[in-house]
Amino acid sequence: MKKTLLAAVLTLAAAGALRAEIIEQILVKVNGEIFTKSDLEQRQVASLRQKGQALDLKSDPNNVQLRKALDEITPQIIVDAVDEMLMVQRGRELGYKLSDEQFKSVVDNIRRENKIESDEQFQAALKAENMTMADLRRNLERSMIVQRVQQNEVMAKIGVTDDEARAYYEAHMNEFTTAPTVTLREILVATPTDPKGINVGADEAALEKAQGIRRRVTAGGENFEKLASEISDSPSKANAGLIGPLSVNDISPDLRKMIEKMKPGDISEPVRTTRGYQVLKLETITATQVMPLEQAREQISERVFTDKRKAEFVKYMQKLRAQAIIEWKNPDVRKAFEEGMKQQG
């Protein structure tokens, strides 16, 4: 799949059929560091594979599917590539690098997770990905540097104040509110289905039977659970008619109104449903519960932190781009970058 996609990408580039036509080998320089046509093609292939886009290139001789897919992913790829170069450069200014011990530890973890026992097997696995050990180390180091820059230059400088936490809590109270729940038991008297419509006689008989069942419980003192297990026409009879607990938000408005007038232990009048007549017993009902601010603090901090991290990262990257010397060597690639920036908002 990888080789097929790469060959198709190369063919399109060579033929000039890709909208973002790549003519020059160097597409952009960022503070002197270059991003080449080959770099772009490798990222395009990796992105397509990651998205699981199994393009049927044989049945698409004009590569229409591939062009469309590349048009969608290339703008973000260019933005990510430029941002990565800027962060790696910043990390190197700060002295970040991958030590031999760290590299060995990562490689050992990769081998262990993939059950690779020998150096030969590991080399074969790298070759299958068109990668050398040097490529692996370079990619791992760049990834490590990017993470450290994000952590130390952005996330470490973000905090959530008490006022911010309270403001979020008050504005998103529904996130920390649990609706009441009810637990019911049912006895169902099913009505026969008739393609011609409701059989009035059968319906009246079912209603009379349901009313009789209710009287057996309320006036006769019979056990609701025992009756549900013996005579209910619902599958819930296997659990003595037990239903729930259910959120009141998941109950129909009419049923909710009826339940609101009941207290635990009450037996409802027969309720008409699409299945027949239902006699309900209210087992339990819980009140609305609101999580106190102090208990919700950890959740709030995570959510506020996530929002602030996004905003701070955008500002940080804007600063790095403004300070950088970015030399575009291909107008279409620059256009793709600008489109990617618009997509990011």
Protein backbone atom coordinates (compact mmCIF):
# COMPACT_ATOMS: atom_id res chain seq x y z
CA MET A 1 0.00 0.00 0.00
CA LYS A 2 2.76 2.42 0.96
CA LYS A 3 4.79 1.78 -2.19
CA THR A 4 1.69 2.06 -4.39
CA LEU A 5 0.68 5.37 -2.86
CA LEU A 6 4.21 6.74 -3.00
CA ALA A 7 4.51 5.75 -6.65
CA ALA A 8 1.21 7.43 -7.39
CA VAL A 9 2.26 10.59 -5.57
CA LEU A 10 5.53 10.68 -7.47
CA THR A 11 3.72 10.12 -10.77
CA LEU A 12 1.35 12.97 -10.10
CA ALA A 13 4.18 15.26 -9.09
CA ALA A 14 6.21 14.39 -12.16
CA ALA A 15 3.24 14.83 -14.49
CA GLY A 16 2.26 18.12 -12.91
CA ALA A 17 -1.24 16.80 -12.31
CA LEU A 18 -1.39 17.62 -8.61
CA ARG A 19 -3.02 20.97 -7.96
CA ALA A 20 -0.22 21.98 -5.59
CA GLU A 21 2.30 21.21 -8.32
CA ILE A 22 5.81 20.54 -7.00
CA ILE A 23 8.53 21.67 -9.40
CA GLU A 24 11.54 22.51 -7.25
CA GLN A 25 13.26 20.04 -4.96
CA ILE A 26 13.30 22.51 -2.05
CA LEU A 27 9.79 23.70 -1.23
CA VAL A 28 10.47 25.99 1.71
CA LYS A 29 13.32 27.11 3.96
CA VAL A 30 12.63 27.85 7.61
CA ASN A 31 15.55 29.68 9.20
CA GLY A 32 17.75 27.93 6.66
CA GLU A 33 16.34 24.43 7.31
CA ILE A 34 14.88 22.93 4.17
CA PHE A 35 11.67 21.03 3.52
CA THR A 36 11.84 19.09 0.26
CA LYS A 37 9.55 17.45 -2.22
CA SER A 38 10.53 14.05 -0.87
CA ASP A 39 9.72 15.18 2.69
CA LEU A 40 6.25 16.21 1.55
CA GLU A 41 5.63 12.98 -0.33
CA GLN A 42 6.63 10.87 2.67
CA ARG A 43 4.28 12.81 4.94
CA GLN A 44 1.46 12.52 2.43
CA VAL A 45 1.87 8.75 2.26
CA ALA A 46 2.05 8.49 6.07
CA SER A 47 -1.07 10.64 6.47
CA LEU A 48 -3.06 8.56 3.99
CA ARG A 49 -2.01 5.36 5.72
CA GLN A 50 -2.88 6.77 9.13
CA LYS A 51 -6.33 7.79 7.94
CA GLY A 52 -6.80 4.30 6.54
CA GLN A 53 -7.72 5.62 3.12
CA ALA A 54 -7.53 2.51 0.98
CA LEU A 55 -7.57 4.15 -2.43
CA ASP A 56 -8.33 1.84 -5.34
CA LEU A 57 -5.68 3.26 -7.64
CA LYS A 58 -6.02 0.50 -10.24
CA SER A 59 -9.66 1.34 -10.90
CA ASP A 60 -8.86 5.06 -10.91
CA PRO A 61 -6.32 5.50 -13.76
CA ASN A 62 -6.60 9.29 -13.66
CA ASN A 63 -5.90 9.35 -9.91
CA VAL A 64 -9.01 11.42 -9.17
CA GLN A 65 -9.36 9.87 -5.71
CA LEU A 66 -5.72 10.51 -4.91
CA ARG A 67 -5.87 14.13 -6.04
CA LYS A 68 -8.91 14.74 -3.87
CA ALA A 69 -7.32 13.06 -0.84
CA LEU A 70 -4.07 15.02 -1.26
CA ASP A 71 -5.94 18.30 -1.68
CA GLU A 72 -7.58 17.64 1.69
CA ILE A 73 -4.50 16.65 3.68
CA THR A 74 -1.65 18.69 2.14
CA PRO A 75 -2.49 22.12 3.67
CA GLN A 76 -2.33 20.74 7.22
CA ILE A 77 0.80 18.75 6.40
CA ILE A 78 2.61 21.93 5.30
CA VAL A 79 1.53 23.83 8.43
CA ASP A 80 2.60 20.94 10.68
CA ALA A 81 5.96 20.65 8.90
CA VAL A 82 6.76 24.36 9.31
CA ASP A 83 5.63 24.36 12.95
CA GLU A 84 7.69 21.26 13.68
CA MET A 85 10.83 22.85 12.21
CA LEU A 86 10.29 25.96 14.30
CA MET A 87 9.81 23.99 17.52
CA VAL A 88 12.78 21.71 16.85
CA GLN A 89 14.95 24.74 16.18
CA ARG A 90 13.76 26.35 19.40
CA GLY A 91 14.39 23.12 21.31
CA ARG A 92 17.93 22.91 20.01
CA GLU A 93 18.51 26.50 21.11
CA LEU A 94 17.47 25.36 24.57
CA GLY A 95 19.90 22.42 24.39
CA TYR A 96 17.36 19.62 24.05
CA LYS A 97 18.63 16.41 22.45
CA LEU A 98 18.09 12.67 22.58
CA SER A 99 20.84 10.93 24.52
CA ASP A 100 22.21 7.51 23.62
CA GLU A 101 20.60 6.07 26.76
CA GLN A 102 17.20 7.54 25.91
CA PHE A 103 17.39 6.25 22.34
CA LYS A 104 18.34 2.78 23.52
CA SER A 105 15.47 2.76 26.00
CA VAL A 106 12.95 3.73 23.31
CA VAL A 107 14.30 1.10 20.91
CA ASP A 108 14.12 -1.54 23.64
CA ASN A 109 10.49 -0.60 24.29
CA ILE A 110 9.67 -0.81 20.58
CA ARG A 111 11.26 -4.24 20.35
CA ARG A 112 9.49 -5.45 23.48
CA GLU A 113 6.04 -4.18 22.43
CA ASN A 114 6.42 -5.70 18.96
CA LYS A 115 8.03 -8.91 20.23
CA ILE A 116 11.17 -8.36 18.16
CA GLU A 117 13.94 -10.51 19.60
CA SER A 118 16.95 -9.98 17.34
CA ASP A 119 18.78 -7.08 15.72
CA GLU A 120 18.17 -8.71 12.34
CA GLN A 121 14.42 -8.73 12.91
CA PHE A 122 14.52 -5.09 13.98
CA GLN A 123 16.49 -4.09 10.90
CA ALA A 124 14.01 -5.99 8.73
CA ALA A 125 11.12 -4.15 10.39
CA LEU A 126 12.81 -0.80 9.72
CA LYS A 127 13.45 -1.78 6.10
CA ALA A 128 9.79 -2.66 5.67
CA GLU A 129 9.02 0.94 6.60
CA ASN A 130 11.73 2.29 4.25
CA MET A 131 13.62 3.54 7.31
CA THR A 132 17.16 3.23 8.65
CA MET A 133 18.29 3.31 12.26
CA ALA A 134 19.52 6.87 11.65
CA ASP A 135 16.08 7.83 10.32
CA LEU A 136 14.45 6.33 13.41
CA ARG A 137 16.74 8.22 15.76
CA ARG A 138 16.23 11.49 13.90
CA ASN A 139 12.44 11.10 14.00
CA LEU A 140 12.44 10.14 17.67
CA GLU A 141 14.66 13.07 18.58
CA ARG A 142 12.52 15.55 16.68
CA SER A 143 9.40 14.18 18.36
CA MET A 144 11.03 14.38 21.79
CA ILE A 145 12.19 17.94 21.22
CA VAL A 146 8.74 19.05 20.05
CA GLN A 147 7.13 17.53 23.15
CA ARG A 148 9.63 19.19 25.49
CA VAL A 149 9.18 22.57 23.84
CA GLN A 150 5.40 22.28 24.14
CA GLN A 151 5.69 21.19 27.77
CA ASN A 152 8.24 23.73 28.94
CA GLU A 153 7.46 26.72 26.73
CA VAL A 154 3.65 26.46 26.70
CA MET A 155 2.01 24.05 29.15
CA ALA A 156 4.30 24.74 32.11
CA LYS A 157 3.28 28.40 31.97
CA ILE A 158 -0.46 27.72 32.07
CA GLY A 159 -2.37 27.77 35.33
CA VAL A 160 -6.04 27.74 36.30
CA THR A 161 -7.01 30.32 38.92
CA ASP A 162 -9.84 29.95 41.42
CA ASP A 163 -11.79 32.67 39.61
CA GLU A 164 -11.42 30.85 36.28
CA ALA A 165 -12.53 27.58 37.84
CA ARG A 166 -15.58 29.17 39.43
CA ALA A 167 -16.50 30.99 36.21
CA TYR A 168 -16.35 27.73 34.25
CA TYR A 169 -18.36 25.92 36.94
CA GLU A 170 -21.12 28.51 36.92
CA ALA A 171 -21.25 28.67 33.11
CA HIS A 172 -21.34 24.87 32.69
CA MET A 173 -23.46 23.82 35.67
CA ASN A 174 -25.24 21.22 33.56
CA GLU A 175 -21.95 19.30 33.21
CA PHE A 176 -21.86 18.78 36.96
CA THR A 177 -25.56 18.09 37.46
CA THR A 178 -26.97 14.56 37.54
CA ALA A 179 -30.64 14.28 36.64
CA PRO A 180 -32.96 12.32 38.97
CA THR A 181 -33.26 8.59 38.33
CA VAL A 182 -36.18 6.24 38.88
CA THR A 183 -36.34 2.49 39.34
CA LEU A 184 -39.63 0.82 38.47
CA ARG A 185 -41.23 -2.58 38.30
CA GLU A 186 -43.78 -3.46 35.64
CA ILE A 187 -46.47 -5.98 34.90
CA LEU A 188 -47.46 -5.98 31.25
CA VAL A 189 -50.72 -7.23 29.86
CA ALA A 190 -50.03 -7.56 26.15
CA THR A 191 -52.65 -6.78 23.54
CA PRO A 192 -52.76 -8.88 20.35
CA THR A 193 -51.49 -7.20 17.20
CA ASP A 194 -53.97 -6.93 14.36
CA PRO A 195 -52.96 -5.61 10.92
CA LYS A 196 -56.51 -4.29 10.51
CA GLY A 197 -56.13 -2.04 13.56
CA ILE A 198 -57.07 -2.16 17.23
CA ASN A 199 -59.36 -4.97 18.25
CA VAL A 200 -61.67 -3.11 20.61
CA GLY A 201 -62.84 -6.20 22.40
CA ALA A 202 -59.33 -7.53 23.01
CA ASP A 203 -58.17 -4.10 24.12
CA GLU A 204 -60.98 -3.76 26.66
CA ALA A 205 -60.27 -7.25 27.97
CA ALA A 206 -56.56 -6.41 28.43
CA LEU A 207 -57.44 -3.19 30.26
CA GLU A 208 -59.85 -5.03 32.56
CA LYS A 209 -57.16 -7.64 33.30
CA ALA A 210 -54.59 -4.92 34.11
CA GLN A 211 -57.05 -3.18 36.42
CA GLY A 212 -57.69 -6.51 38.15
CA ILE A 213 -53.96 -7.03 38.67
CA ARG A 214 -53.67 -3.59 40.23
CA ARG A 215 -56.54 -4.37 42.64
CA ARG A 216 -54.88 -7.65 43.62
CA VAL A 217 -51.84 -5.65 44.76
CA THR A 218 -53.45 -2.52 46.25
CA ALA A 219 -56.54 -4.05 47.82
CA GLY A 220 -55.64 -7.71 48.02
CA GLY A 221 -52.14 -7.22 49.34
CA GLU A 222 -50.51 -9.58 46.86
CA ASN A 223 -46.78 -9.21 46.19
CA PHE A 224 -46.08 -7.15 43.06
CA GLU A 225 -42.75 -8.83 42.37
CA LYS A 226 -44.28 -12.30 42.62
CA LEU A 227 -47.09 -11.41 40.25
CA ALA A 228 -44.64 -9.84 37.78
CA SER A 229 -42.59 -13.04 37.77
CA GLU A 230 -45.67 -15.17 37.19
CA ILE A 231 -48.06 -13.33 34.86
CA SER A 232 -46.29 -10.39 33.17
CA ASP A 233 -46.03 -10.54 29.37
CA SER A 234 -42.81 -8.51 29.39
CA PRO A 235 -39.28 -9.96 29.22
CA SER A 236 -38.64 -8.08 32.48
CA LYS A 237 -40.62 -10.82 34.26
CA ALA A 238 -37.28 -12.67 34.50
CA ASN A 239 -36.19 -9.93 36.94
CA ALA A 240 -39.53 -9.66 38.74
CA GLY A 241 -40.48 -6.77 36.46
CA LEU A 242 -37.48 -4.61 37.34
CA ILE A 243 -36.77 -1.62 35.07
CA GLY A 244 -33.95 0.84 35.61
CA PRO A 245 -32.56 2.84 37.12
CA LEU A 246 -33.61 5.28 34.38
CA SER A 247 -32.77 8.96 34.02
CA VAL A 248 -35.93 11.05 34.09
CA ASN A 249 -34.60 12.73 30.95
CA ASP A 250 -35.01 9.41 29.13
CA ILE A 251 -38.65 8.99 30.12
CA SER A 252 -41.56 10.30 28.08
CA PRO A 253 -43.09 13.56 29.37
CA ASP A 254 -46.44 11.90 30.14
CA LEU A 255 -44.85 9.10 32.15
CA ARG A 256 -42.64 11.61 33.94
CA LYS A 257 -45.68 13.63 35.02
CA MET A 258 -47.30 10.49 36.40
CA ILE A 259 -44.19 9.40 38.30
CA GLU A 260 -43.73 12.87 39.82
CA LYS A 261 -47.06 12.38 41.63
CA MET A 262 -46.02 8.99 43.05
CA LYS A 263 -43.92 8.02 46.03
CA PRO A 264 -41.89 4.80 46.44
CA GLY A 265 -44.21 1.82 46.81
CA ASP A 266 -47.12 3.39 44.89
CA ILE A 267 -48.82 1.42 42.12
CA SER A 268 -49.91 3.23 38.98
CA GLU A 269 -53.17 2.97 37.11
CA PRO A 270 -52.81 0.87 33.91
CA VAL A 271 -50.80 2.79 31.30
CA ARG A 272 -51.51 2.21 27.60
CA THR A 273 -48.36 1.51 25.57
CA THR A 274 -47.71 0.12 22.11
CA ARG A 275 -47.27 -3.30 23.74
CA GLY A 276 -50.44 -3.29 25.80
CA TYR A 277 -51.33 -2.15 29.31
CA GLN A 278 -48.59 -1.63 31.85
CA VAL A 279 -49.00 -1.51 35.63
CA LEU A 280 -46.04 0.18 37.29
CA LYS A 281 -44.65 0.19 40.80
CA LEU A 282 -42.28 2.97 41.80
CA GLU A 283 -39.33 1.41 43.61
CA THR A 284 -37.00 4.34 44.13
CA ILE A 285 -36.48 7.88 42.92
CA THR A 286 -33.36 10.00 43.43
CA ALA A 287 -33.16 13.75 43.63
CA THR A 288 -31.22 16.01 41.29
CA GLN A 289 -27.58 15.99 42.37
CA VAL A 290 -25.14 18.84 41.80
CA MET A 291 -21.44 18.14 42.29
CA PRO A 292 -19.91 20.76 44.60
CA LEU A 293 -17.27 23.05 43.13
CA GLU A 294 -14.47 21.56 45.20
CA GLN A 295 -15.27 18.04 44.01
CA ALA A 296 -15.51 19.25 40.42
CA ARG A 297 -12.25 21.22 40.63
CA GLU A 298 -10.07 18.55 38.99
CA GLN A 299 -12.43 18.10 36.05
CA ILE A 300 -12.74 21.87 35.65
CA SER A 301 -8.98 22.35 35.71
CA GLU A 302 -8.52 19.76 32.95
CA ARG A 303 -11.15 21.37 30.73
CA VAL A 304 -10.03 24.95 31.29
CA PHE A 305 -6.40 23.89 30.89
CA THR A 306 -7.19 22.23 27.56
CA ASP A 307 -8.86 25.37 26.23
CA LYS A 308 -6.05 27.61 27.47
CA ARG A 309 -3.40 25.27 26.07
CA LYS A 310 -4.91 25.53 22.60
CA ALA A 311 -5.03 29.31 22.79
CA GLU A 312 -1.53 29.63 24.24
CA PHE A 313 -0.07 27.22 21.69
CA VAL A 314 -1.58 29.26 18.85
CA LYS A 315 -0.02 32.44 20.27
CA TYR A 316 3.32 30.70 20.82
CA MET A 317 3.46 29.46 17.23
CA GLN A 318 2.45 32.88 15.92
CA LYS A 319 5.40 34.31 17.82
CA LEU A 320 7.84 31.72 16.43
CA ARG A 321 6.59 32.27 12.87
CA ALA A 322 6.86 36.05 13.24
CA GLN A 323 10.49 35.74 14.37
CA ALA A 324 11.43 33.22 11.68
CA ILE A 325 12.79 33.71 8.18
CA ILE A 326 10.48 31.61 6.00
CA GLU A 327 11.49 31.45 2.34
CA TRP A 328 8.90 29.90 0.05
CA LYS A 329 10.37 28.26 -3.03
CA ASN A 330 7.06 27.18 -4.52
CA PRO A 331 3.97 29.43 -4.70
CA ASP A 332 1.53 26.51 -4.64
CA VAL A 333 3.06 25.12 -1.47
CA ARG A 334 2.83 28.55 0.12
CA LYS A 335 -0.82 28.68 -0.95
CA ALA A 336 -1.37 25.28 0.69
CA PHE A 337 0.23 26.61 3.90
CA GLU A 338 -2.07 29.63 3.89
CA GLU A 339 -5.06 27.36 3.34
CA GLY A 340 -3.94 25.21 6.26
CA MET A 341 -3.73 28.29 8.48
CA LYS A 342 -7.29 29.24 7.51
CA GLN A 343 -8.48 25.74 8.37
CA GLN A 344 -6.93 26.11 11.82
CA GLY A 345 -8.92 29.30 12.30
